[in-house]
Amino acid sequence: MMTEKERAGRAAAHAVEDGMILGLGTGSTVHFTLLELKVRMDQGLRLQGVATSQRTEILARELGIPILPFSAVDRIDLTLDGADEVDPNLNGIKGGGGALLYEKLVAEASDKVIWVVDHQKMVDTLGRFPLPLEVVPFNLEKLWKKLENQGYHPRVRMQAGEPFVTDAGNRILDLHLQAISDPEGLHRELKLMSGVVETGLFLHMAEEVIEGVGDTLRHHFRK
């Protein structure tokens, strides 16, 4: 029996049309999207992909999905990606896998964005999942102190006992906020802080969310 993640992830692959340039997201749900894309390619589907992380690129190449560098494309037809939280307005938090910067760049270059999630990722209010900030290493400690003083409860993301390093060579601070009452205002505030490269708030980007719910699917569309 398929998990909710697998059901949603594989369903998203059937939104892909022949000849598309496809943004390939990062994460456990999109993993199943890539596997289903391989099935469809074996049946004759033609596509080219732009990967949002080194991890995704490695898997895509193993599956035989042709990969283009981001710099080589003007526009991307469709991006399929996961999300860590999604609210009723289809705003989301992303970056749990550490690929938020490249995920946002690819999404902004896309004509359409679809997210795939299990039902636990749908929330009334964003913020229970820690909000990632990608920051430059040079200002990591000073940003941590500033965010701590503002009550945002930052933590340096660690991996194997060392600060996590993104594909762009940056670090991540996770803000433990519990609830975000004004996502747009918070995004603007954080982006204006020197040393913040990008926030994990993805606002007004996804046009559709495919949610795995038990053994069925729910489709949510941005109003």
N, C-alpha and C. Protein backbone atom coordinates (compact mmCIF):
# COMPACT_ATOMS: atom_id res chain seq x y z
N MET A 1 0.83 -1.20 0.00
CA MET A 1 0.00 0.00 0.00
C MET A 1 0.87 1.25 0.00
N MET A 2 0.51 2.22 -0.84
CA MET A 2 1.28 3.45 -0.92
C MET A 2 1.08 4.31 0.32
N THR A 3 2.16 4.98 0.73
CA THR A 3 2.03 6.02 1.75
C THR A 3 1.41 7.26 1.13
N GLU A 4 0.99 8.19 1.99
CA GLU A 4 0.44 9.46 1.47
C GLU A 4 1.48 10.19 0.64
N LYS A 5 2.72 10.17 1.09
CA LYS A 5 3.78 10.85 0.35
C LYS A 5 3.96 10.25 -1.04
N GLU A 6 4.00 8.93 -1.09
CA GLU A 6 4.20 8.29 -2.38
C GLU A 6 3.02 8.55 -3.31
N ARG A 7 1.81 8.49 -2.77
CA ARG A 7 0.62 8.70 -3.60
C ARG A 7 0.64 10.12 -4.20
N ALA A 8 0.91 11.12 -3.37
CA ALA A 8 0.94 12.50 -3.85
C ALA A 8 2.10 12.72 -4.81
N GLY A 9 3.26 12.19 -4.44
CA GLY A 9 4.44 12.39 -5.27
C GLY A 9 4.30 11.79 -6.65
N ARG A 10 3.79 10.59 -6.72
CA ARG A 10 3.63 9.94 -8.03
C ARG A 10 2.53 10.62 -8.85
N ALA A 11 1.47 11.09 -8.18
CA ALA A 11 0.39 11.77 -8.90
C ALA A 11 0.89 13.02 -9.60
N ALA A 12 1.81 13.75 -8.96
CA ALA A 12 2.31 14.99 -9.54
C ALA A 12 3.01 14.76 -10.87
N ALA A 13 3.63 13.60 -11.03
CA ALA A 13 4.34 13.31 -12.28
C ALA A 13 3.39 13.27 -13.47
N HIS A 14 2.11 13.08 -13.22
CA HIS A 14 1.14 13.00 -14.32
C HIS A 14 0.63 14.38 -14.73
N ALA A 15 1.12 15.43 -14.08
CA ALA A 15 0.85 16.80 -14.54
C ALA A 15 1.85 17.24 -15.61
N VAL A 16 2.87 16.42 -15.84
CA VAL A 16 3.93 16.77 -16.78
C VAL A 16 3.50 16.42 -18.20
N GLU A 17 3.68 17.37 -19.11
CA GLU A 17 3.35 17.16 -20.51
C GLU A 17 4.63 16.96 -21.32
N ASP A 18 4.48 16.32 -22.46
CA ASP A 18 5.62 15.97 -23.30
C ASP A 18 6.39 17.22 -23.71
N GLY A 19 7.71 17.16 -23.58
CA GLY A 19 8.57 18.24 -24.02
C GLY A 19 8.81 19.33 -23.01
N MET A 20 8.28 19.20 -21.81
CA MET A 20 8.41 20.25 -20.81
C MET A 20 9.84 20.36 -20.28
N ILE A 21 10.20 21.58 -19.87
CA ILE A 21 11.35 21.81 -19.00
C ILE A 21 10.79 21.87 -17.59
N LEU A 22 11.29 21.00 -16.75
CA LEU A 22 10.67 20.74 -15.45
C LEU A 22 11.61 21.10 -14.31
N GLY A 23 11.13 21.89 -13.36
CA GLY A 23 11.88 22.13 -12.14
C GLY A 23 11.70 20.95 -11.20
N LEU A 24 12.80 20.39 -10.74
CA LEU A 24 12.78 19.19 -9.92
C LEU A 24 13.11 19.56 -8.48
N GLY A 25 12.13 19.46 -7.60
CA GLY A 25 12.30 19.85 -6.21
C GLY A 25 13.14 18.87 -5.42
N THR A 26 13.22 19.14 -4.13
CA THR A 26 14.05 18.36 -3.22
C THR A 26 13.20 17.83 -2.08
N GLY A 27 13.44 16.59 -1.66
CA GLY A 27 12.75 16.06 -0.50
C GLY A 27 12.18 14.68 -0.71
N SER A 28 11.67 14.13 0.39
CA SER A 28 11.23 12.73 0.39
C SER A 28 9.99 12.50 -0.47
N THR A 29 9.09 13.49 -0.57
CA THR A 29 7.89 13.30 -1.38
C THR A 29 8.22 13.40 -2.86
N VAL A 30 9.05 14.38 -3.23
CA VAL A 30 9.43 14.55 -4.63
C VAL A 30 10.27 13.37 -5.12
N HIS A 31 10.91 12.67 -4.20
CA HIS A 31 11.62 11.45 -4.58
C HIS A 31 10.71 10.51 -5.37
N PHE A 32 9.46 10.38 -4.91
CA PHE A 32 8.52 9.50 -5.61
C PHE A 32 8.09 10.10 -6.95
N THR A 33 8.06 11.43 -7.04
CA THR A 33 7.76 12.07 -8.31
C THR A 33 8.81 11.70 -9.35
N LEU A 34 10.06 11.73 -8.95
CA LEU A 34 11.14 11.39 -9.88
C LEU A 34 11.04 9.93 -10.32
N LEU A 35 10.70 9.05 -9.39
CA LEU A 35 10.55 7.64 -9.75
C LEU A 35 9.42 7.45 -10.76
N GLU A 36 8.33 8.18 -10.58
CA GLU A 36 7.20 8.06 -11.52
C GLU A 36 7.53 8.70 -12.86
N LEU A 37 8.32 9.78 -12.84
CA LEU A 37 8.76 10.37 -14.10
C LEU A 37 9.59 9.38 -14.90
N LYS A 38 10.40 8.59 -14.23
CA LYS A 38 11.18 7.55 -14.91
C LYS A 38 10.25 6.55 -15.59
N VAL A 39 9.17 6.15 -14.90
CA VAL A 39 8.20 5.24 -15.49
C VAL A 39 7.59 5.86 -16.75
N ARG A 40 7.21 7.12 -16.67
CA ARG A 40 6.59 7.80 -17.81
C ARG A 40 7.59 7.99 -18.95
N MET A 41 8.84 8.25 -18.62
CA MET A 41 9.85 8.37 -19.67
C MET A 41 10.07 7.05 -20.39
N ASP A 42 10.01 5.97 -19.65
CA ASP A 42 10.13 4.65 -20.28
C ASP A 42 8.97 4.37 -21.23
N GLN A 43 7.86 5.08 -21.01
CA GLN A 43 6.69 4.95 -21.88
C GLN A 43 6.69 5.98 -23.01
N GLY A 44 7.73 6.82 -23.07
CA GLY A 44 7.87 7.74 -24.20
C GLY A 44 7.84 9.22 -23.86
N LEU A 45 7.60 9.58 -22.59
CA LEU A 45 7.58 10.99 -22.21
C LEU A 45 8.96 11.60 -22.38
N ARG A 46 8.99 12.78 -23.02
CA ARG A 46 10.25 13.51 -23.17
C ARG A 46 10.22 14.73 -22.25
N LEU A 47 11.31 14.95 -21.53
CA LEU A 47 11.40 16.11 -20.65
C LEU A 47 12.85 16.42 -20.38
N GLN A 48 13.10 17.63 -19.89
CA GLN A 48 14.40 18.03 -19.38
C GLN A 48 14.17 18.66 -18.01
N GLY A 49 15.10 18.45 -17.11
CA GLY A 49 14.92 18.91 -15.75
C GLY A 49 15.96 19.93 -15.32
N VAL A 50 15.55 20.78 -14.38
CA VAL A 50 16.46 21.69 -13.68
C VAL A 50 16.38 21.31 -12.21
N ALA A 51 17.48 20.88 -11.62
CA ALA A 51 17.48 20.38 -10.25
C ALA A 51 17.65 21.52 -9.25
N THR A 52 16.99 21.38 -8.10
CA THR A 52 17.09 22.39 -7.04
C THR A 52 18.13 22.05 -5.98
N SER A 53 18.80 20.92 -6.14
CA SER A 53 19.85 20.55 -5.18
C SER A 53 20.76 19.51 -5.82
N GLN A 54 21.94 19.39 -5.25
CA GLN A 54 22.87 18.36 -5.72
C GLN A 54 22.27 16.97 -5.52
N ARG A 55 21.55 16.79 -4.42
CA ARG A 55 20.93 15.50 -4.12
C ARG A 55 19.92 15.12 -5.20
N THR A 56 19.09 16.07 -5.58
CA THR A 56 18.10 15.81 -6.63
C THR A 56 18.77 15.54 -7.96
N GLU A 57 19.80 16.30 -8.26
CA GLU A 57 20.49 16.11 -9.54
C GLU A 57 21.09 14.72 -9.64
N ILE A 58 21.69 14.25 -8.56
CA ILE A 58 22.29 12.92 -8.57
C ILE A 58 21.23 11.85 -8.84
N LEU A 59 20.10 11.93 -8.14
CA LEU A 59 19.04 10.95 -8.34
C LEU A 59 18.47 11.03 -9.75
N ALA A 60 18.24 12.25 -10.24
CA ALA A 60 17.68 12.41 -11.58
C ALA A 60 18.59 11.80 -12.63
N ARG A 61 19.87 12.04 -12.51
CA ARG A 61 20.81 11.47 -13.49
C ARG A 61 20.83 9.95 -13.40
N GLU A 62 20.75 9.41 -12.18
CA GLU A 62 20.70 7.96 -12.03
C GLU A 62 19.48 7.37 -12.73
N LEU A 63 18.38 8.13 -12.75
CA LEU A 63 17.14 7.67 -13.38
C LEU A 63 17.09 7.97 -14.87
N GLY A 64 18.11 8.64 -15.38
CA GLY A 64 18.14 8.95 -16.81
C GLY A 64 17.38 10.20 -17.21
N ILE A 65 17.08 11.07 -16.25
CA ILE A 65 16.40 12.32 -16.55
C ILE A 65 17.44 13.34 -16.98
N PRO A 66 17.32 13.90 -18.19
CA PRO A 66 18.31 14.88 -18.66
C PRO A 66 18.24 16.15 -17.80
N ILE A 67 19.41 16.63 -17.36
CA ILE A 67 19.47 17.80 -16.48
C ILE A 67 20.13 18.97 -17.20
N LEU A 68 19.47 20.13 -17.11
CA LEU A 68 20.00 21.37 -17.66
C LEU A 68 20.50 22.24 -16.51
N PRO A 69 21.56 23.02 -16.74
CA PRO A 69 21.93 24.01 -15.73
C PRO A 69 20.90 25.13 -15.69
N PHE A 70 20.68 25.68 -14.52
CA PHE A 70 19.69 26.75 -14.35
C PHE A 70 20.00 27.93 -15.27
N SER A 71 21.28 28.21 -15.47
CA SER A 71 21.69 29.35 -16.29
C SER A 71 21.34 29.16 -17.76
N ALA A 72 21.04 27.92 -18.17
CA ALA A 72 20.79 27.63 -19.58
C ALA A 72 19.33 27.80 -19.99
N VAL A 73 18.44 28.07 -19.02
CA VAL A 73 17.02 28.17 -19.35
C VAL A 73 16.51 29.58 -19.06
N ASP A 74 15.61 30.04 -19.94
CA ASP A 74 14.96 31.34 -19.72
C ASP A 74 13.74 31.18 -18.82
N ARG A 75 12.95 30.15 -19.10
CA ARG A 75 11.77 29.87 -18.29
C ARG A 75 11.66 28.37 -18.08
N ILE A 76 10.97 28.00 -16.99
CA ILE A 76 10.69 26.61 -16.66
C ILE A 76 9.19 26.42 -16.76
N ASP A 77 8.75 25.38 -17.45
CA ASP A 77 7.32 25.18 -17.66
C ASP A 77 6.58 24.88 -16.36
N LEU A 78 7.15 24.00 -15.57
CA LEU A 78 6.47 23.52 -14.37
C LEU A 78 7.51 23.08 -13.36
N THR A 79 7.31 23.44 -12.10
CA THR A 79 8.15 22.92 -11.02
C THR A 79 7.31 22.07 -10.08
N LEU A 80 7.80 20.91 -9.75
CA LEU A 80 7.18 19.99 -8.80
C LEU A 80 8.08 19.92 -7.58
N ASP A 81 7.53 20.22 -6.42
CA ASP A 81 8.35 20.31 -5.21
C ASP A 81 7.52 19.92 -4.00
N GLY A 82 8.17 19.70 -2.89
CA GLY A 82 7.50 19.43 -1.63
C GLY A 82 7.38 20.70 -0.81
N ALA A 83 6.84 20.57 0.38
CA ALA A 83 6.74 21.69 1.32
C ALA A 83 6.70 21.13 2.73
N ASP A 84 7.15 21.93 3.68
CA ASP A 84 7.15 21.51 5.08
C ASP A 84 5.86 21.90 5.79
N GLU A 85 5.26 23.01 5.37
CA GLU A 85 3.94 23.43 5.84
C GLU A 85 3.25 24.19 4.73
N VAL A 86 1.92 24.07 4.67
CA VAL A 86 1.13 24.82 3.70
C VAL A 86 -0.13 25.31 4.39
N ASP A 87 -0.43 26.62 4.25
CA ASP A 87 -1.63 27.16 4.88
C ASP A 87 -2.79 27.21 3.89
N PRO A 88 -3.99 27.62 4.31
CA PRO A 88 -5.15 27.61 3.39
C PRO A 88 -4.99 28.52 2.18
N ASN A 89 -4.09 29.52 2.23
CA ASN A 89 -3.84 30.39 1.09
C ASN A 89 -2.75 29.85 0.17
N LEU A 90 -2.29 28.64 0.44
CA LEU A 90 -1.20 27.98 -0.29
C LEU A 90 0.12 28.74 -0.16
N ASN A 91 0.28 29.46 0.94
CA ASN A 91 1.61 29.93 1.32
C ASN A 91 2.29 28.83 2.11
N GLY A 92 3.60 28.78 2.04
CA GLY A 92 4.27 27.65 2.67
C GLY A 92 5.59 27.98 3.32
N ILE A 93 6.04 27.05 4.14
CA ILE A 93 7.41 27.04 4.65
C ILE A 93 8.13 25.89 3.96
N LYS A 94 9.33 26.20 3.42
CA LYS A 94 10.16 25.21 2.79
C LYS A 94 11.60 25.40 3.27
N GLY A 95 12.39 24.38 3.08
CA GLY A 95 13.80 24.47 3.46
C GLY A 95 14.23 23.47 4.51
N GLY A 96 13.32 22.56 4.88
CA GLY A 96 13.69 21.53 5.83
C GLY A 96 14.83 20.66 5.33
N GLY A 97 14.94 20.54 4.01
CA GLY A 97 16.03 19.79 3.42
C GLY A 97 17.25 20.62 3.11
N GLY A 98 17.16 21.93 3.37
CA GLY A 98 18.31 22.80 3.19
C GLY A 98 18.49 23.39 1.80
N ALA A 99 17.48 23.22 0.92
CA ALA A 99 17.63 23.67 -0.48
C ALA A 99 16.77 24.89 -0.79
N LEU A 100 16.39 25.67 0.22
CA LEU A 100 15.40 26.73 0.01
C LEU A 100 15.83 27.78 -1.01
N LEU A 101 17.09 28.17 -1.04
CA LEU A 101 17.52 29.21 -1.98
C LEU A 101 17.32 28.76 -3.42
N TYR A 102 17.84 27.61 -3.77
CA TYR A 102 17.71 27.14 -5.14
C TYR A 102 16.27 26.78 -5.47
N GLU A 103 15.53 26.26 -4.48
CA GLU A 103 14.11 25.97 -4.70
C GLU A 103 13.34 27.24 -5.03
N LYS A 104 13.65 28.33 -4.34
CA LYS A 104 12.92 29.57 -4.59
C LYS A 104 13.31 30.16 -5.94
N LEU A 105 14.58 30.12 -6.30
CA LEU A 105 15.01 30.64 -7.59
C LEU A 105 14.34 29.89 -8.75
N VAL A 106 14.27 28.59 -8.62
CA VAL A 106 13.63 27.78 -9.67
C VAL A 106 12.13 28.05 -9.71
N ALA A 107 11.50 28.16 -8.54
CA ALA A 107 10.07 28.44 -8.51
C ALA A 107 9.75 29.78 -9.16
N GLU A 108 10.55 30.79 -8.88
CA GLU A 108 10.30 32.12 -9.44
C GLU A 108 10.48 32.16 -10.95
N ALA A 109 11.24 31.22 -11.49
CA ALA A 109 11.46 31.16 -12.93
C ALA A 109 10.44 30.26 -13.63
N SER A 110 9.46 29.75 -12.88
CA SER A 110 8.53 28.74 -13.40
C SER A 110 7.18 29.35 -13.76
N ASP A 111 6.60 28.85 -14.84
CA ASP A 111 5.26 29.29 -15.21
C ASP A 111 4.21 28.75 -14.25
N LYS A 112 4.46 27.59 -13.65
CA LYS A 112 3.52 26.99 -12.71
C LYS A 112 4.30 26.20 -11.67
N VAL A 113 3.82 26.23 -10.43
CA VAL A 113 4.43 25.47 -9.34
C VAL A 113 3.37 24.60 -8.68
N ILE A 114 3.67 23.32 -8.54
CA ILE A 114 2.81 22.38 -7.82
C ILE A 114 3.61 21.79 -6.67
N TRP A 115 3.02 21.82 -5.47
CA TRP A 115 3.64 21.17 -4.32
C TRP A 115 2.94 19.85 -4.02
N VAL A 116 3.70 18.89 -3.53
CA VAL A 116 3.15 17.59 -3.14
C VAL A 116 3.44 17.37 -1.66
N VAL A 117 2.40 17.01 -0.90
CA VAL A 117 2.55 16.88 0.56
C VAL A 117 1.67 15.75 1.07
N ASP A 118 1.98 15.28 2.28
CA ASP A 118 1.04 14.42 2.99
C ASP A 118 0.14 15.31 3.85
N HIS A 119 -0.92 14.74 4.40
CA HIS A 119 -1.95 15.57 5.03
C HIS A 119 -1.44 16.32 6.26
N GLN A 120 -0.39 15.83 6.89
CA GLN A 120 0.13 16.49 8.09
C GLN A 120 0.79 17.83 7.78
N LYS A 121 1.11 18.08 6.51
CA LYS A 121 1.76 19.34 6.14
C LYS A 121 0.76 20.48 5.96
N MET A 122 -0.54 20.17 5.88
CA MET A 122 -1.55 21.21 5.73
C MET A 122 -1.91 21.76 7.11
N VAL A 123 -1.75 23.08 7.30
CA VAL A 123 -1.95 23.69 8.61
C VAL A 123 -2.83 24.93 8.48
N ASP A 124 -3.43 25.33 9.57
CA ASP A 124 -4.23 26.56 9.57
C ASP A 124 -3.34 27.80 9.60
N THR A 125 -2.23 27.73 10.34
CA THR A 125 -1.30 28.86 10.48
C THR A 125 0.12 28.35 10.38
N LEU A 126 0.93 29.02 9.58
CA LEU A 126 2.33 28.64 9.44
C LEU A 126 3.11 28.93 10.73
N GLY A 127 4.16 28.17 10.95
CA GLY A 127 5.09 28.51 12.01
C GLY A 127 5.44 27.41 12.99
N ARG A 128 4.63 26.38 13.10
CA ARG A 128 5.02 25.30 14.01
C ARG A 128 6.29 24.61 13.50
N PHE A 129 6.40 24.45 12.17
CA PHE A 129 7.65 23.95 11.60
C PHE A 129 8.67 25.09 11.64
N PRO A 130 9.87 24.85 12.13
CA PRO A 130 10.87 25.92 12.23
C PRO A 130 11.13 26.58 10.87
N LEU A 131 11.17 27.90 10.87
CA LEU A 131 11.37 28.67 9.64
C LEU A 131 12.85 28.77 9.32
N PRO A 132 13.31 28.21 8.19
CA PRO A 132 14.73 28.29 7.84
C PRO A 132 15.09 29.66 7.24
N LEU A 133 16.26 30.13 7.61
CA LEU A 133 16.88 31.29 6.98
C LEU A 133 18.23 30.85 6.44
N GLU A 134 18.48 31.11 5.16
CA GLU A 134 19.81 30.86 4.62
C GLU A 134 20.62 32.14 4.80
N VAL A 135 21.76 32.02 5.45
CA VAL A 135 22.54 33.20 5.82
C VAL A 135 24.01 32.99 5.44
N VAL A 136 24.71 34.12 5.23
CA VAL A 136 26.14 34.02 4.90
C VAL A 136 26.92 33.67 6.16
N PRO A 137 27.93 32.83 6.04
CA PRO A 137 28.68 32.39 7.23
C PRO A 137 29.32 33.55 7.99
N PHE A 138 29.77 34.58 7.28
CA PHE A 138 30.50 35.69 7.89
C PHE A 138 29.69 36.38 8.99
N ASN A 139 28.35 36.39 8.82
CA ASN A 139 27.50 37.13 9.76
C ASN A 139 26.64 36.20 10.61
N LEU A 140 26.96 34.92 10.63
CA LEU A 140 26.10 33.94 11.30
C LEU A 140 25.90 34.28 12.78
N GLU A 141 26.98 34.51 13.50
CA GLU A 141 26.87 34.73 14.95
C GLU A 141 26.12 36.02 15.27
N LYS A 142 26.41 37.10 14.52
CA LYS A 142 25.73 38.37 14.78
C LYS A 142 24.24 38.28 14.46
N LEU A 143 23.89 37.59 13.38
CA LEU A 143 22.48 37.41 13.06
C LEU A 143 21.80 36.58 14.14
N TRP A 144 22.47 35.55 14.62
CA TRP A 144 21.88 34.73 15.68
C TRP A 144 21.56 35.59 16.89
N LYS A 145 22.49 36.43 17.30
CA LYS A 145 22.27 37.29 18.47
C LYS A 145 21.11 38.25 18.23
N LYS A 146 21.05 38.84 17.04
CA LYS A 146 19.99 39.79 16.73
C LYS A 146 18.63 39.11 16.76
N LEU A 147 18.54 37.96 16.16
CA LEU A 147 17.27 37.22 16.10
C LEU A 147 16.87 36.72 17.49
N GLU A 148 17.86 36.32 18.29
CA GLU A 148 17.58 35.89 19.66
C GLU A 148 17.03 37.05 20.48
N ASN A 149 17.61 38.22 20.33
CA ASN A 149 17.14 39.40 21.06
C ASN A 149 15.73 39.81 20.66
N GLN A 150 15.33 39.47 19.43
CA GLN A 150 13.99 39.80 18.96
C GLN A 150 12.97 38.72 19.31
N GLY A 151 13.42 37.68 20.02
CA GLY A 151 12.50 36.64 20.45
C GLY A 151 12.14 35.63 19.40
N TYR A 152 13.00 35.46 18.38
CA TYR A 152 12.70 34.53 17.29
C TYR A 152 13.30 33.14 17.51
N HIS A 153 14.00 32.94 18.61
CA HIS A 153 14.51 31.63 19.02
C HIS A 153 15.27 30.91 17.89
N PRO A 154 16.34 31.52 17.40
CA PRO A 154 17.10 30.89 16.31
C PRO A 154 17.98 29.75 16.82
N ARG A 155 18.16 28.77 15.96
CA ARG A 155 19.13 27.70 16.22
C ARG A 155 19.94 27.48 14.95
N VAL A 156 21.24 27.31 15.13
CA VAL A 156 22.09 26.99 13.99
C VAL A 156 21.83 25.54 13.59
N ARG A 157 21.49 25.30 12.34
CA ARG A 157 21.28 23.92 11.90
C ARG A 157 22.62 23.20 11.84
N MET A 158 22.64 22.01 12.42
CA MET A 158 23.88 21.24 12.50
C MET A 158 23.76 19.95 11.69
N GLN A 159 24.89 19.45 11.28
CA GLN A 159 24.97 18.15 10.60
C GLN A 159 26.31 17.52 10.96
N ALA A 160 26.25 16.33 11.54
CA ALA A 160 27.46 15.61 11.95
C ALA A 160 28.35 16.47 12.84
N GLY A 161 27.71 17.25 13.73
CA GLY A 161 28.45 18.03 14.70
C GLY A 161 29.00 19.35 14.19
N GLU A 162 28.73 19.68 12.94
CA GLU A 162 29.20 20.93 12.34
C GLU A 162 28.01 21.69 11.77
N PRO A 163 28.12 23.02 11.62
CA PRO A 163 27.03 23.77 10.99
C PRO A 163 26.74 23.23 9.59
N PHE A 164 25.45 23.04 9.31
CA PHE A 164 25.01 22.56 8.00
C PHE A 164 25.44 23.56 6.93
N VAL A 165 25.94 23.05 5.81
CA VAL A 165 26.37 23.89 4.69
C VAL A 165 25.45 23.64 3.50
N THR A 166 24.86 24.70 2.97
CA THR A 166 23.97 24.57 1.81
C THR A 166 24.79 24.37 0.54
N ASP A 167 24.10 24.03 -0.55
CA ASP A 167 24.78 23.86 -1.83
C ASP A 167 25.47 25.15 -2.28
N ALA A 168 24.97 26.30 -1.82
CA ALA A 168 25.57 27.58 -2.16
C ALA A 168 26.69 27.99 -1.20
N GLY A 169 27.00 27.12 -0.21
CA GLY A 169 28.06 27.41 0.73
C GLY A 169 27.65 28.27 1.91
N ASN A 170 26.34 28.43 2.10
CA ASN A 170 25.83 29.24 3.21
C ASN A 170 25.48 28.38 4.41
N ARG A 171 24.97 29.01 5.47
CA ARG A 171 24.52 28.31 6.67
C ARG A 171 23.02 28.52 6.84
N ILE A 172 22.41 27.77 7.75
CA ILE A 172 20.98 27.91 7.99
C ILE A 172 20.72 28.16 9.47
N LEU A 173 19.92 29.18 9.74
CA LEU A 173 19.35 29.41 11.06
C LEU A 173 17.88 29.03 11.01
N ASP A 174 17.44 28.18 11.92
CA ASP A 174 16.03 27.80 12.01
C ASP A 174 15.38 28.59 13.13
N LEU A 175 14.31 29.31 12.79
CA LEU A 175 13.59 30.13 13.77
C LEU A 175 12.41 29.34 14.32
N HIS A 176 12.35 29.20 15.64
CA HIS A 176 11.30 28.43 16.30
C HIS A 176 10.23 29.41 16.79
N LEU A 177 9.23 29.62 15.94
CA LEU A 177 8.26 30.70 16.14
C LEU A 177 6.91 30.22 16.64
N GLN A 178 6.56 28.98 16.36
CA GLN A 178 5.27 28.37 16.73
C GLN A 178 4.11 28.86 15.87
N ALA A 179 4.02 30.17 15.63
CA ALA A 179 2.94 30.70 14.79
C ALA A 179 3.42 31.98 14.12
N ILE A 180 3.08 32.14 12.84
CA ILE A 180 3.44 33.34 12.08
C ILE A 180 2.15 34.03 11.68
N SER A 181 1.85 35.14 12.33
CA SER A 181 0.58 35.82 12.08
C SER A 181 0.61 36.65 10.80
N ASP A 182 1.79 37.12 10.41
CA ASP A 182 1.94 37.97 9.22
C ASP A 182 3.11 37.49 8.39
N PRO A 183 2.92 36.45 7.58
CA PRO A 183 4.04 35.90 6.81
C PRO A 183 4.72 36.92 5.90
N GLU A 184 3.94 37.77 5.24
CA GLU A 184 4.53 38.73 4.32
C GLU A 184 5.37 39.76 5.07
N GLY A 185 4.85 40.24 6.20
CA GLY A 185 5.60 41.20 6.99
C GLY A 185 6.88 40.61 7.54
N LEU A 186 6.81 39.37 8.02
CA LEU A 186 8.00 38.72 8.56
C LEU A 186 9.03 38.48 7.47
N HIS A 187 8.58 38.06 6.30
CA HIS A 187 9.50 37.84 5.19
C HIS A 187 10.24 39.13 4.85
N ARG A 188 9.52 40.24 4.76
CA ARG A 188 10.16 41.53 4.44
C ARG A 188 11.15 41.92 5.53
N GLU A 189 10.76 41.75 6.78
CA GLU A 189 11.64 42.12 7.89
C GLU A 189 12.94 41.33 7.85
N LEU A 190 12.83 40.03 7.65
CA LEU A 190 14.02 39.17 7.66
C LEU A 190 14.92 39.43 6.46
N LYS A 191 14.32 39.65 5.30
CA LYS A 191 15.11 39.89 4.09
C LYS A 191 15.92 41.18 4.17
N LEU A 192 15.46 42.13 4.97
CA LEU A 192 16.17 43.40 5.10
C LEU A 192 17.37 43.31 6.05
N MET A 193 17.51 42.18 6.74
CA MET A 193 18.64 42.01 7.65
C MET A 193 19.89 41.66 6.84
N SER A 194 20.95 42.41 7.05
CA SER A 194 22.20 42.14 6.33
C SER A 194 22.71 40.74 6.66
N GLY A 195 23.03 40.01 5.61
CA GLY A 195 23.52 38.65 5.79
C GLY A 195 22.49 37.58 5.57
N VAL A 196 21.20 37.95 5.55
CA VAL A 196 20.16 36.98 5.23
C VAL A 196 20.07 36.87 3.71
N VAL A 197 20.32 35.68 3.19
CA VAL A 197 20.26 35.46 1.75
C VAL A 197 18.83 35.20 1.31
N GLU A 198 18.11 34.34 2.04
CA GLU A 198 16.73 34.01 1.68
C GLU A 198 16.01 33.43 2.88
N THR A 199 14.68 33.58 2.87
CA THR A 199 13.86 32.97 3.91
C THR A 199 13.13 31.76 3.35
N GLY A 200 12.69 30.90 4.24
CA GLY A 200 11.92 29.73 3.85
C GLY A 200 10.45 29.99 3.70
N LEU A 201 10.03 31.26 3.71
CA LEU A 201 8.64 31.60 3.44
C LEU A 201 8.44 31.70 1.93
N PHE A 202 7.62 30.81 1.40
CA PHE A 202 7.31 30.78 -0.03
C PHE A 202 5.87 31.27 -0.18
N LEU A 203 5.73 32.53 -0.59
CA LEU A 203 4.44 33.20 -0.60
C LEU A 203 3.95 33.43 -2.02
N HIS A 204 2.70 33.07 -2.28
CA HIS A 204 2.06 33.30 -3.58
C HIS A 204 2.84 32.62 -4.71
N MET A 205 3.36 31.45 -4.46
CA MET A 205 4.15 30.74 -5.49
C MET A 205 3.44 29.50 -6.02
N ALA A 206 2.91 28.69 -5.12
CA ALA A 206 2.26 27.45 -5.55
C ALA A 206 0.86 27.75 -6.09
N GLU A 207 0.58 27.27 -7.27
CA GLU A 207 -0.77 27.39 -7.83
C GLU A 207 -1.64 26.20 -7.45
N GLU A 208 -0.98 25.09 -7.12
CA GLU A 208 -1.72 23.88 -6.77
C GLU A 208 -0.93 23.09 -5.74
N VAL A 209 -1.65 22.45 -4.83
CA VAL A 209 -1.04 21.52 -3.88
C VAL A 209 -1.77 20.19 -4.00
N ILE A 210 -1.01 19.14 -4.18
CA ILE A 210 -1.57 17.79 -4.20
C ILE A 210 -1.28 17.17 -2.84
N GLU A 211 -2.34 16.87 -2.11
CA GLU A 211 -2.23 16.37 -0.73
C GLU A 211 -2.62 14.91 -0.68
N GLY A 212 -1.73 14.08 -0.17
CA GLY A 212 -2.09 12.70 0.09
C GLY A 212 -2.86 12.59 1.38
N VAL A 213 -4.04 12.00 1.30
CA VAL A 213 -4.91 11.84 2.48
C VAL A 213 -5.35 10.39 2.53
N GLY A 214 -4.73 9.61 3.39
CA GLY A 214 -5.06 8.19 3.43
C GLY A 214 -4.76 7.55 2.09
N ASP A 215 -5.77 6.89 1.52
CA ASP A 215 -5.58 6.26 0.22
C ASP A 215 -6.19 7.08 -0.91
N THR A 216 -6.39 8.40 -0.68
CA THR A 216 -6.93 9.29 -1.71
C THR A 216 -6.05 10.53 -1.84
N LEU A 217 -6.47 11.40 -2.75
CA LEU A 217 -5.77 12.65 -2.99
C LEU A 217 -6.74 13.82 -2.86
N ARG A 218 -6.21 14.95 -2.38
CA ARG A 218 -6.96 16.21 -2.41
C ARG A 218 -6.15 17.21 -3.22
N HIS A 219 -6.84 17.96 -4.07
CA HIS A 219 -6.18 19.00 -4.85
C HIS A 219 -6.64 20.36 -4.34
N HIS A 220 -5.67 21.21 -3.98
CA HIS A 220 -5.96 22.55 -3.51
C HIS A 220 -5.44 23.53 -4.55
N PHE A 221 -6.22 24.57 -4.85
CA PHE A 221 -5.83 25.55 -5.84
C PHE A 221 -5.81 26.94 -5.24
N ARG A 222 -4.82 27.73 -5.63
CA ARG A 222 -4.71 29.09 -5.11
C ARG A 222 -5.88 29.93 -5.62
N LYS A 223 -6.48 30.67 -4.74
CA LYS A 223 -7.64 31.49 -5.11
C LYS A 223 -7.19 32.81 -5.73
